[in-house]
Amino acid sequence: MSETIQRLETDVAAIKATLATLAPMIVRIDERLAHMATKAEVTDQFSKVTFDLSGIKSDVRVLKWQVGALMAIAVVIGLPSLWLLVRTAAKVGTLFG
């Protein structure tokens, strides 16, 4: 019986030593977890970012239409003006002479 008690005391001492080294680690982990976001907070932020991105996508879509329209207007106005400029320069003789 004395051997069993001695072995138990040795095991308990080892367990206490292990717990003494684990306690500060647990405290550090707990401190880190206090600063981390919960799943609900991450989901909320994700939905906000997704909503913001959808707004940006629609703004880009409108901008594409505006740029396309401006390019079409530039082509419609620019080509006749360029033709007129080349024609006038050819008549004056400054283009290829």
Protein backbone atom coordinates (compact mmCIF):
# COMPACT_ATOMS: atom_id res chain seq x y z
CA MET A 1 0.00 0.00 0.00
CA SER A 2 2.88 2.32 0.75
CA GLU A 3 4.21 1.87 -2.79
CA THR A 4 0.84 2.70 -4.28
CA ILE A 5 0.57 5.87 -2.20
CA GLN A 6 4.12 6.85 -3.13
CA ARG A 7 3.34 6.32 -6.83
CA LEU A 8 0.13 8.35 -6.49
CA GLU A 9 2.00 11.18 -4.77
CA THR A 10 4.58 11.15 -7.57
CA ASP A 11 1.85 11.22 -10.21
CA VAL A 12 0.01 14.03 -8.42
CA ALA A 13 3.25 16.02 -8.18
CA ALA A 14 3.77 15.54 -11.95
CA ILE A 15 0.20 16.61 -12.64
CA LYS A 16 0.66 19.73 -10.48
CA ALA A 17 3.89 20.60 -12.29
CA THR A 18 2.18 20.20 -15.66
CA LEU A 19 -0.77 22.34 -14.56
CA ALA A 20 1.62 25.00 -13.27
CA THR A 21 3.17 25.28 -16.75
CA LEU A 22 -0.21 25.14 -18.51
CA ALA A 23 -1.89 27.86 -16.45
CA PRO A 24 0.07 30.80 -17.96
CA MET A 25 -0.50 29.39 -21.45
CA ILE A 26 -4.24 29.21 -20.83
CA VAL A 27 -4.25 32.80 -19.59
CA ARG A 28 -2.43 33.96 -22.75
CA ILE A 29 -4.85 32.03 -24.98
CA ASP A 30 -7.78 33.55 -23.12
CA GLU A 31 -6.33 37.05 -23.57
CA ARG A 32 -5.94 36.45 -27.31
CA LEU A 33 -9.46 35.10 -27.65
CA ALA A 34 -10.87 38.21 -26.00
CA HIS A 35 -9.64 40.27 -28.97
CA MET A 36 -10.91 37.91 -31.67
CA ALA A 37 -14.23 38.38 -33.42
CA THR A 38 -17.11 35.99 -32.99
CA LYS A 39 -18.66 34.14 -35.90
CA ALA A 40 -21.66 36.51 -35.83
CA GLU A 41 -19.37 39.56 -36.01
CA VAL A 42 -17.44 38.11 -38.95
CA THR A 43 -20.69 37.27 -40.75
CA ASP A 44 -22.00 40.79 -40.14
CA GLN A 45 -18.82 42.39 -41.51
CA PHE A 46 -18.86 40.03 -44.51
CA SER A 47 -22.43 41.00 -45.37
CA LYS A 48 -21.52 44.71 -45.12
CA VAL A 49 -18.54 44.24 -47.45
CA THR A 50 -20.65 42.21 -49.88
CA PHE A 51 -23.30 44.95 -49.91
CA ASP A 52 -20.63 47.61 -50.51
CA LEU A 53 -19.14 45.57 -53.37
CA SER A 54 -22.54 45.19 -55.04
CA GLY A 55 -22.94 48.98 -54.93
CA ILE A 56 -19.51 49.44 -56.48
CA LYS A 57 -20.35 46.90 -59.20
CA SER A 58 -23.48 48.83 -60.16
CA ASP A 59 -21.51 52.10 -60.19
CA VAL A 60 -18.91 50.54 -62.50
CA ARG A 61 -21.68 49.26 -64.76
CA VAL A 62 -23.11 52.80 -65.06
CA LEU A 63 -19.62 54.19 -65.66
CA LYS A 64 -19.09 51.69 -68.49
CA TRP A 65 -22.26 52.90 -70.19
CA GLN A 66 -21.20 56.53 -69.77
CA VAL A 67 -17.73 55.91 -71.20
CA GLY A 68 -19.22 53.94 -74.09
CA ALA A 69 -21.65 56.75 -74.85
CA LEU A 70 -18.87 59.34 -74.74
CA MET A 71 -16.75 57.23 -77.08
CA ALA A 72 -19.66 56.90 -79.50
CA ILE A 73 -20.23 60.66 -79.40
CA ALA A 74 -16.52 61.26 -79.97
CA VAL A 75 -16.59 58.95 -83.01
CA VAL A 76 -19.73 60.57 -84.41
CA ILE A 77 -18.32 64.07 -83.99
CA GLY A 78 -14.66 63.26 -84.57
CA LEU A 79 -14.76 61.38 -87.85
CA PRO A 80 -16.57 64.06 -89.85
CA SER A 81 -14.31 66.71 -88.31
CA LEU A 82 -11.22 64.70 -89.20
CA TRP A 83 -12.53 64.17 -92.75
CA LEU A 84 -13.16 67.90 -93.08
CA LEU A 85 -9.68 68.73 -91.76
CA VAL A 86 -7.99 66.30 -94.18
CA ARG A 87 -10.10 67.55 -97.10
CA THR A 88 -9.31 71.18 -96.33
CA ALA A 89 -5.61 70.44 -95.89
CA ALA A 90 -5.55 68.53 -99.17
CA LYS A 91 -7.20 71.45 -100.98
CA VAL A 92 -4.74 73.91 -99.50
CA GLY A 93 -1.88 71.59 -100.35
CA THR A 94 -0.33 71.28 -96.89
CA LEU A 95 -1.08 67.65 -96.30
CA PHE A 96 1.03 65.72 -98.79
CA GLY A 97 2.97 68.34 -100.59
